[in-house]
PDB file of N, CA and C in Angstrom:
ATOM      1  N   MET A   1     -16.349  -4.716  10.402  1.00  0.00           N
ATOM      2  CA  MET A   1     -17.370  -4.798  11.295  1.00  0.00           C
ATOM      3  C   MET A   1     -15.598  -4.058  12.032  1.00  0.00           C
ATOM      4  N   THR A   2     -16.665  -3.746  13.505  1.00  0.00           N
ATOM      5  CA  THR A   2     -16.065  -2.972  14.209  1.00  0.00           C
ATOM      6  C   THR A   2     -16.201  -3.010  14.890  1.00  0.00           C
ATOM      7  N   PRO A   3     -15.881  -2.814  16.373  1.00  0.00           N
ATOM      8  CA  PRO A   3     -15.905  -3.177  17.753  1.00  0.00           C
ATOM      9  C   PRO A   3     -17.406  -2.688  18.540  1.00  0.00           C
ATOM     10  N   LYS A   4     -17.317  -1.466  17.730  1.00  0.00           N
ATOM     11  CA  LYS A   4     -19.259  -0.522  18.259  1.00  0.00           C
ATOM     12  C   LYS A   4     -19.998  -1.085  17.357  1.00  0.00           C
ATOM     13  N   THR A   5     -19.586  -1.786  16.122  1.00  0.00           N
ATOM     14  CA  THR A   5     -20.719  -2.680  14.905  1.00  0.00           C
ATOM     15  C   THR A   5     -21.174  -4.005  15.392  1.00  0.00           C
ATOM     16  N   THR A   6     -20.562  -4.409  16.328  1.00  0.00           N
ATOM     17  CA  THR A   6     -20.438  -6.218  17.133  1.00  0.00           C
ATOM     18  C   THR A   6     -20.438  -6.735  18.391  1.00  0.00           C
ATOM     19  N   GLY A   7     -19.726  -5.333  19.164  1.00  0.00           N
ATOM     20  CA  GLY A   7     -19.522  -4.871  20.811  1.00  0.00           C
ATOM     21  C   GLY A   7     -18.765  -6.199  20.726  1.00  0.00           C
ATOM     22  N   ASN A   8     -17.719  -6.851  20.243  1.00  0.00           N
ATOM     23  CA  ASN A   8     -16.317  -7.087  20.641  1.00  0.00           C
ATOM     24  C   ASN A   8     -15.484  -6.692  19.927  1.00  0.00           C
ATOM     25  N   GLU A   9     -14.143  -6.581  21.218  1.00  0.00           N
ATOM     26  CA  GLU A   9     -13.007  -6.328  20.721  1.00  0.00           C
ATOM     27  C   GLU A   9     -12.521  -6.672  20.245  1.00  0.00           C
ATOM     28  N   ILE A  10     -11.377  -7.075  18.510  1.00  0.00           N
ATOM     29  CA  ILE A  10     -10.472  -8.177  18.270  1.00  0.00           C
ATOM     30  C   ILE A  10      -9.106  -7.587  18.713  1.00  0.00           C
ATOM     31  N   ILE A  11      -7.968  -8.272  18.694  1.00  0.00           N
ATOM     32  CA  ILE A  11      -6.473  -7.595  18.475  1.00  0.00           C
ATOM     33  C   ILE A  11      -6.351  -9.321  17.997  1.00  0.00           C
ATOM     34  N   ILE A  12      -5.508  -8.715  17.065  1.00  0.00           N
ATOM     35  CA  ILE A  12      -4.877  -9.770  15.992  1.00  0.00           C
ATOM     36  C   ILE A  12      -3.569  -9.569  16.341  1.00  0.00           C
ATOM     37  N   GLU A  13      -2.405 -10.510  16.990  1.00  0.00           N
ATOM     38  CA  GLU A  13      -1.073 -10.641  17.714  1.00  0.00           C
ATOM     39  C   GLU A  13      -0.433 -11.524  16.648  1.00  0.00           C
ATOM     40  N   PHE A  14       0.228 -10.743  16.140  1.00  0.00           N
ATOM     41  CA  PHE A  14       1.391 -11.409  15.451  1.00  0.00           C
ATOM     42  C   PHE A  14       3.001 -11.456  15.691  1.00  0.00           C
ATOM     43  N   SER A  15       3.768 -13.075  15.760  1.00  0.00           N
ATOM     44  CA  SER A  15       4.794 -13.413  16.262  1.00  0.00           C
ATOM     45  C   SER A  15       5.594 -13.458  15.028  1.00  0.00           C
ATOM     46  N   LEU A  16       6.951 -14.570  15.052  1.00  0.00           N
ATOM     47  CA  LEU A  16       7.509 -14.707  14.316  1.00  0.00           C
ATOM     48  C   LEU A  16       6.757 -15.373  13.219  1.00  0.00           C
ATOM     49  N   ASN A  17       6.218 -16.601  13.339  1.00  0.00           N
ATOM     50  CA  ASN A  17       5.274 -17.180  12.130  1.00  0.00           C
ATOM     51  C   ASN A  17       3.619 -17.635  12.442  1.00  0.00           C
ATOM     52  N   THR A  18       3.597 -17.342  13.878  1.00  0.00           N
ATOM     53  CA  THR A  18       2.078 -17.046  14.562  1.00  0.00           C
ATOM     54  C   THR A  18       1.452 -16.196  14.284  1.00  0.00           C
ATOM     55  N   CYS A  19      -0.474 -16.057  13.884  1.00  0.00           N
ATOM     56  CA  CYS A  19      -1.262 -15.503  14.072  1.00  0.00           C
ATOM     57  C   CYS A  19      -2.341 -15.642  15.288  1.00  0.00           C
ATOM     58  N   LYS A  20      -2.520 -15.072  16.231  1.00  0.00           N
ATOM     59  CA  LYS A  20      -3.570 -15.098  17.326  1.00  0.00           C
ATOM     60  C   LYS A  20      -4.610 -14.262  16.877  1.00  0.00           C
ATOM     61  N   LYS A  21      -5.645 -14.803  17.546  1.00  0.00           N
ATOM     62  CA  LYS A  21      -6.874 -13.519  17.321  1.00  0.00           C
ATOM     63  C   LYS A  21      -7.363 -14.044  18.931  1.00  0.00           C
ATOM     64  N   TYR A  22      -7.375 -12.446  19.304  1.00  0.00           N
ATOM     65  CA  TYR A  22      -8.474 -12.579  20.651  1.00  0.00           C
ATOM     66  C   TYR A  22      -9.625 -11.613  20.583  1.00  0.00           C
ATOM     67  N   VAL A  23     -10.925 -12.234  20.610  1.00  0.00           N
ATOM     68  CA  VAL A  23     -12.307 -11.386  20.991  1.00  0.00           C
ATOM     69  C   VAL A  23     -12.371 -11.431  22.092  1.00  0.00           C
ATOM     70  N   ASN A  24     -12.463 -10.464  22.698  1.00  0.00           N
ATOM     71  CA  ASN A  24     -12.541  -9.881  23.793  1.00  0.00           C
ATOM     72  C   ASN A  24     -11.264 -10.149  25.695  1.00  0.00           C
ATOM     73  N   GLY A  25     -10.318 -10.584  24.201  1.00  0.00           N
ATOM     74  CA  GLY A  25      -9.723 -10.704  25.996  1.00  0.00           C
ATOM     75  C   GLY A  25      -8.702 -12.656  25.511  1.00  0.00           C
ATOM     76  N   ILE A  26     -10.258 -12.878  24.794  1.00  0.00           N
ATOM     77  CA  ILE A  26     -10.144 -15.092  24.840  1.00  0.00           C
ATOM     78  C   ILE A  26      -9.371 -15.284  23.537  1.00  0.00           C
ATOM     79  N   LEU A  27      -8.180 -15.579  23.960  1.00  0.00           N
ATOM     80  CA  LEU A  27      -7.612 -16.498  22.619  1.00  0.00           C
ATOM     81  C   LEU A  27      -8.724 -17.075  21.600  1.00  0.00           C
ATOM     82  N   ASP A  28      -9.114 -16.690  20.237  1.00  0.00           N
ATOM     83  CA  ASP A  28     -10.174 -17.606  20.137  1.00  0.00           C
ATOM     84  C   ASP A  28      -9.548 -17.842  18.571  1.00  0.00           C
ATOM     85  N   ASN A  29      -8.731 -17.922  17.882  1.00  0.00           N
ATOM     86  CA  ASN A  29      -8.331 -18.655  17.026  1.00  0.00           C
ATOM     87  C   ASN A  29      -6.239 -18.825  17.115  1.00  0.00           C
ATOM     88  N   GLU A  30      -5.937 -19.482  16.149  1.00  0.00           N
ATOM     89  CA  GLU A  30      -4.146 -19.686  16.239  1.00  0.00           C
ATOM     90  C   GLU A  30      -3.802 -20.015  15.133  1.00  0.00           C
ATOM     91  N   ILE A  31      -3.242 -19.463  14.323  1.00  0.00           N
ATOM     92  CA  ILE A  31      -2.791 -20.103  12.310  1.00  0.00           C
ATOM     93  C   ILE A  31      -1.435 -19.913  12.743  1.00  0.00           C
ATOM     94  N   THR A  32      -0.387 -20.893  11.744  1.00  0.00           N
ATOM     95  CA  THR A  32       1.467 -20.096  11.903  1.00  0.00           C
ATOM     96  C   THR A  32       0.553 -20.018   9.386  1.00  0.00           C
ATOM     97  N   TYR A  33       2.186 -18.769   9.834  1.00  0.00           N
ATOM     98  CA  TYR A  33       2.041 -18.299   8.173  1.00  0.00           C
ATOM     99  C   TYR A  33       3.271 -17.948   7.827  1.00  0.00           C
ATOM    100  N   LYS A  34       3.247 -17.928   6.556  1.00  0.00           N
ATOM    101  CA  LYS A  34       4.899 -17.326   6.313  1.00  0.00           C
ATOM    102  C   LYS A  34       4.459 -16.284   5.170  1.00  0.00           C
ATOM    103  N   ILE A  35       5.281 -15.345   5.521  1.00  0.00           N
ATOM    104  CA  ILE A  35       5.345 -13.807   4.353  1.00  0.00           C
ATOM    105  C   ILE A  35       7.013 -14.541   2.688  1.00  0.00           C
ATOM    106  N   GLU A  36       6.630 -14.034   2.144  1.00  0.00           N
ATOM    107  CA  GLU A  36       7.122 -14.005   1.342  1.00  0.00           C
ATOM    108  C   GLU A  36       6.930 -13.073   0.125  1.00  0.00           C
ATOM    109  N   MET A  37       7.741 -12.648  -0.724  1.00  0.00           N
ATOM    110  CA  MET A  37       7.820 -12.346  -2.226  1.00  0.00           C
ATOM    111  C   MET A  37       6.762 -12.995  -2.786  1.00  0.00           C
ATOM    112  N   GLY A  38       5.734 -12.152  -4.356  1.00  0.00           N
ATOM    113  CA  GLY A  38       4.832 -12.954  -4.600  1.00  0.00           C
ATOM    114  C   GLY A  38       3.972 -12.004  -5.067  1.00  0.00           C
ATOM    115  N   ASN A  39       3.664 -12.596  -6.633  1.00  0.00           N
ATOM    116  CA  ASN A  39       2.819 -12.029  -7.587  1.00  0.00           C
ATOM    117  C   ASN A  39       1.654 -11.576  -6.733  1.00  0.00           C
ATOM    118  N   SER A  40       1.116 -10.545  -7.201  1.00  0.00           N
ATOM    119  CA  SER A  40      -0.257 -10.397  -6.296  1.00  0.00           C
ATOM    120  C   SER A  40      -1.575  -9.712  -7.670  1.00  0.00           C
ATOM    121  N   ILE A  41      -2.824 -10.970  -7.719  1.00  0.00           N
ATOM    122  CA  ILE A  41      -3.267 -10.990  -8.699  1.00  0.00           C
ATOM    123  C   ILE A  41      -4.047  -9.448  -7.868  1.00  0.00           C
ATOM    124  N   ILE A  42      -4.451  -8.579  -7.445  1.00  0.00           N
ATOM    125  CA  ILE A  42      -5.017  -7.594  -6.230  1.00  0.00           C
ATOM    126  C   ILE A  42      -3.975  -6.356  -7.319  1.00  0.00           C
ATOM    127  N   LYS A  43      -3.156  -5.717  -6.530  1.00  0.00           N
ATOM    128  CA  LYS A  43      -1.863  -4.960  -6.939  1.00  0.00           C
ATOM    129  C   LYS A  43      -1.232  -4.568  -8.412  1.00  0.00           C
ATOM    130  N   ASN A  44      -1.153  -6.545  -9.088  1.00  0.00           N
ATOM    131  CA  ASN A  44      -0.658  -6.409 -10.306  1.00  0.00           C
ATOM    132  C   ASN A  44       0.708  -6.607 -10.737  1.00  0.00           C
ATOM    133  N   GLU A  45       1.451  -6.873  -8.918  1.00  0.00           N
ATOM    134  CA  GLU A  45       2.915  -6.689  -9.241  1.00  0.00           C
ATOM    135  C   GLU A  45       3.353  -7.726  -8.233  1.00  0.00           C
ATOM    136  N   GLU A  46       4.653  -7.772  -8.240  1.00  0.00           N
ATOM    137  CA  GLU A  46       5.411  -8.548  -6.986  1.00  0.00           C
ATOM    138  C   GLU A  46       4.969  -7.817  -5.726  1.00  0.00           C
ATOM    139  N   THR A  47       4.756  -8.561  -4.393  1.00  0.00           N
ATOM    140  CA  THR A  47       4.687  -7.731  -3.203  1.00  0.00           C
ATOM    141  C   THR A  47       4.846  -8.702  -2.530  1.00  0.00           C
ATOM    142  N   ASP A  48       4.891  -8.210  -0.873  1.00  0.00           N
ATOM    143  CA  ASP A  48       5.061  -8.925   0.876  1.00  0.00           C
ATOM    144  C   ASP A  48       3.201  -9.796   0.263  1.00  0.00           C
ATOM    145  N   ILE A  49       3.367 -11.416   0.800  1.00  0.00           N
ATOM    146  CA  ILE A  49       2.237 -12.252   1.016  1.00  0.00           C
ATOM    147  C   ILE A  49       2.210 -12.595   1.988  1.00  0.00           C
ATOM    148  N   ILE A  50       1.003 -12.641   2.465  1.00  0.00           N
ATOM    149  CA  ILE A  50       1.071 -13.238   3.750  1.00  0.00           C
ATOM    150  C   ILE A  50       0.832 -14.975   3.373  1.00  0.00           C
ATOM    151  N   THR A  51       0.607 -15.890   3.376  1.00  0.00           N
ATOM    152  CA  THR A  51       0.313 -17.561   3.470  1.00  0.00           C
ATOM    153  C   THR A  51       0.292 -17.724   4.306  1.00  0.00           C
ATOM    154  N   LEU A  52      -0.807 -18.077   4.894  1.00  0.00           N
ATOM    155  CA  LEU A  52      -1.696 -18.860   6.380  1.00  0.00           C
ATOM    156  C   LEU A  52      -1.832 -20.140   5.957  1.00  0.00           C
ATOM    157  N   GLU A  53      -1.841 -21.518   6.891  1.00  0.00           N
ATOM    158  CA  GLU A  53      -1.152 -23.078   7.565  1.00  0.00           C
ATOM    159  C   GLU A  53      -2.356 -23.460   6.296  1.00  0.00           C
ATOM    160  N   ASN A  54      -3.475 -23.026   6.306  1.00  0.00           N
ATOM    161  CA  ASN A  54      -4.579 -23.299   5.376  1.00  0.00           C
ATOM    162  C   ASN A  54      -4.517 -23.139   3.441  1.00  0.00           C
ATOM    163  N   GLU A  55      -3.108 -22.542   3.235  1.00  0.00           N
ATOM    164  CA  GLU A  55      -3.093 -21.855   1.466  1.00  0.00           C
ATOM    165  C   GLU A  55      -3.807 -20.843   1.570  1.00  0.00           C
ATOM    166  N   TRP A  56      -4.600 -19.879   2.396  1.00  0.00           N
ATOM    167  CA  TRP A  56      -4.946 -18.605   1.895  1.00  0.00           C
ATOM    168  C   TRP A  56      -4.419 -17.999   1.715  1.00  0.00           C
ATOM    169  N   ARG A  57      -4.201 -17.033   0.772  1.00  0.00           N
ATOM    170  CA  ARG A  57      -3.141 -16.261   0.706  1.00  0.00           C
ATOM    171  C   ARG A  57      -3.517 -13.958   0.464  1.00  0.00           C
ATOM    172  N   GLN A  58      -3.037 -13.457   1.518  1.00  0.00           N
ATOM    173  CA  GLN A  58      -3.376 -11.941   1.422  1.00  0.00           C
ATOM    174  C   GLN A  58      -2.741 -10.648   0.716  1.00  0.00           C
ATOM    175  N   SER A  59      -2.139 -10.412   0.513  1.00  0.00           N
ATOM    176  CA  SER A  59      -1.128  -9.295  -0.206  1.00  0.00           C
ATOM    177  C   SER A  59      -1.235  -8.689   1.103  1.00  0.00           C
ATOM    178  N   ILE A  60      -0.594  -7.472   2.077  1.00  0.00           N
ATOM    179  CA  ILE A  60       0.325  -6.696   2.949  1.00  0.00           C
ATOM    180  C   ILE A  60       0.177  -5.538   2.150  1.00  0.00           C
ATOM    181  N   GLU A  61       0.016  -4.205   2.942  1.00  0.00           N
ATOM    182  CA  GLU A  61       0.448  -3.532   3.036  1.00  0.00           C
ATOM    183  C   GLU A  61       0.256  -2.073   4.359  1.00  0.00           C
ATOM    184  N   LEU A  62       1.795  -2.184   4.766  1.00  0.00           N
ATOM    185  CA  LEU A  62       2.029  -1.192   6.091  1.00  0.00           C
ATOM    186  C   LEU A  62       1.775   0.420   5.901  1.00  0.00           C
ATOM    187  N   ASN A  63       0.831   1.233   6.276  1.00  0.00           N
ATOM    188  CA  ASN A  63       1.038   2.524   6.051  1.00  0.00           C
ATOM    189  C   ASN A  63       1.206   3.254   7.701  1.00  0.00           C
ATOM    190  N   GLY A  64       1.946   3.901   8.559  1.00  0.00           N
ATOM    191  CA  GLY A  64       2.026   3.665   9.455  1.00  0.00           C
ATOM    192  C   GLY A  64       1.680   2.758  10.725  1.00  0.00           C
ATOM    193  N   ASN A  65       0.507   3.466  11.031  1.00  0.00           N
ATOM    194  CA  ASN A  65       0.139   2.499  12.059  1.00  0.00           C
ATOM    195  C   ASN A  65      -1.005   0.913  11.577  1.00  0.00           C
ATOM    196  N   LYS A  66      -1.419   1.861   9.847  1.00  0.00           N
ATOM    197  CA  LYS A  66      -2.360   1.290   9.566  1.00  0.00           C
ATOM    198  C   LYS A  66      -1.749  -0.473   8.977  1.00  0.00           C
ATOM    199  N   LEU A  67      -2.529  -1.113   9.124  1.00  0.00           N
ATOM    200  CA  LEU A  67      -1.987  -2.698   7.956  1.00  0.00           C
ATOM    201  C   LEU A  67      -3.198  -3.259   7.537  1.00  0.00           C
ATOM    202  N   THR A  68      -3.509  -3.168   6.598  1.00  0.00           N
ATOM    203  CA  THR A  68      -4.742  -3.675   4.780  1.00  0.00           C
ATOM    204  C   THR A  68      -4.588  -5.140   4.562  1.00  0.00           C
ATOM    205  N   LEU A  69      -4.812  -6.165   4.701  1.00  0.00           N
ATOM    206  CA  LEU A  69      -4.414  -7.333   4.188  1.00  0.00           C
ATOM    207  C   LEU A  69      -5.812  -7.274   2.786  1.00  0.00           C
ATOM    208  N   TYR A  70      -5.291  -7.956   1.799  1.00  0.00           N
ATOM    209  CA  TYR A  70      -6.151  -8.025   0.622  1.00  0.00           C
ATOM    210  C   TYR A  70      -6.548  -9.373   0.591  1.00  0.00           C
ATOM    211  N   ASP A  71      -7.624 -10.355   0.545  1.00  0.00           N
ATOM    212  CA  ASP A  71      -7.437 -11.369  -0.064  1.00  0.00           C
ATOM    213  C   ASP A  71      -7.509 -11.575  -1.860  1.00  0.00           C
ATOM    214  N   GLU A  72      -6.187 -12.284  -1.543  1.00  0.00           N
ATOM    215  CA  GLU A  72      -5.961 -12.970  -3.089  1.00  0.00           C
ATOM    216  C   GLU A  72      -6.981 -13.390  -3.941  1.00  0.00           C
ATOM    217  N   CYS A  73      -7.874 -12.930  -4.325  1.00  0.00           N
ATOM    218  CA  CYS A  73      -8.493 -13.296  -5.173  1.00  0.00           C
ATOM    219  C   CYS A  73      -9.746 -12.235  -5.739  1.00  0.00           C
ATOM    220  N   TYR A  74     -10.021 -12.684  -7.013  1.00  0.00           N
ATOM    221  CA  TYR A  74     -11.762 -11.622  -7.264  1.00  0.00           C
ATOM    222  C   TYR A  74     -12.462 -11.439  -6.523  1.00  0.00           C
ATOM    223  N   ASP A  75     -13.119 -10.156  -6.175  1.00  0.00           N
ATOM    224  CA  ASP A  75     -13.955 -10.594  -5.513  1.00  0.00           C
ATOM    225  C   ASP A  75     -13.967 -10.784  -3.793  1.00  0.00           C
ATOM    226  N   CYS A  76     -12.805 -10.564  -3.248  1.00  0.00           N
ATOM    227  CA  CYS A  76     -12.495 -10.782  -2.071  1.00  0.00           C
ATOM    228  C   CYS A  76     -12.903  -9.744  -1.590  1.00  0.00           C
ATOM    229  N   PHE A  77     -11.957  -9.519   0.080  1.00  0.00           N
ATOM    230  CA  PHE A  77     -12.826  -8.634   0.865  1.00  0.00           C
ATOM    231  C   PHE A  77     -11.149  -8.325   1.140  1.00  0.00           C
ATOM    232  N   GLN A  78     -11.179  -7.322   1.591  1.00  0.00           N
ATOM    233  CA  GLN A  78      -9.399  -6.227   2.346  1.00  0.00           C
ATOM    234  C   GLN A  78     -10.237  -6.155   4.213  1.00  0.00           C
ATOM    235  N   ASN A  79      -8.918  -6.235   5.184  1.00  0.00           N
ATOM    236  CA  ASN A  79      -9.478  -6.753   6.156  1.00  0.00           C
ATOM    237  C   ASN A  79      -7.942  -5.023   6.600  1.00  0.00           C
ATOM    238  N   GLU A  80      -8.734  -4.597   7.658  1.00  0.00           N
ATOM    239  CA  GLU A  80      -7.895  -2.942   7.884  1.00  0.00           C
ATOM    240  C   GLU A  80      -7.682  -3.070   9.964  1.00  0.00           C
TER     241      GLU A  80
END
């Protein structure tokens, strides 16, 4: 999904332990999280893992200004 295909601008804002999602400038969702090292089933190694308050886990990859989050489950999604 992109702004071109959905017609929405989505901005994700991270602070120390909170993630906020804005859709077209309006706060749509706010959730707490923690980041720690953990075993990744996607990368098959220890890496940075973000765990959301609902216990959903994603491994993190940051290259320059591109953030990629990999869902830590088989046959799931990646978000860029």
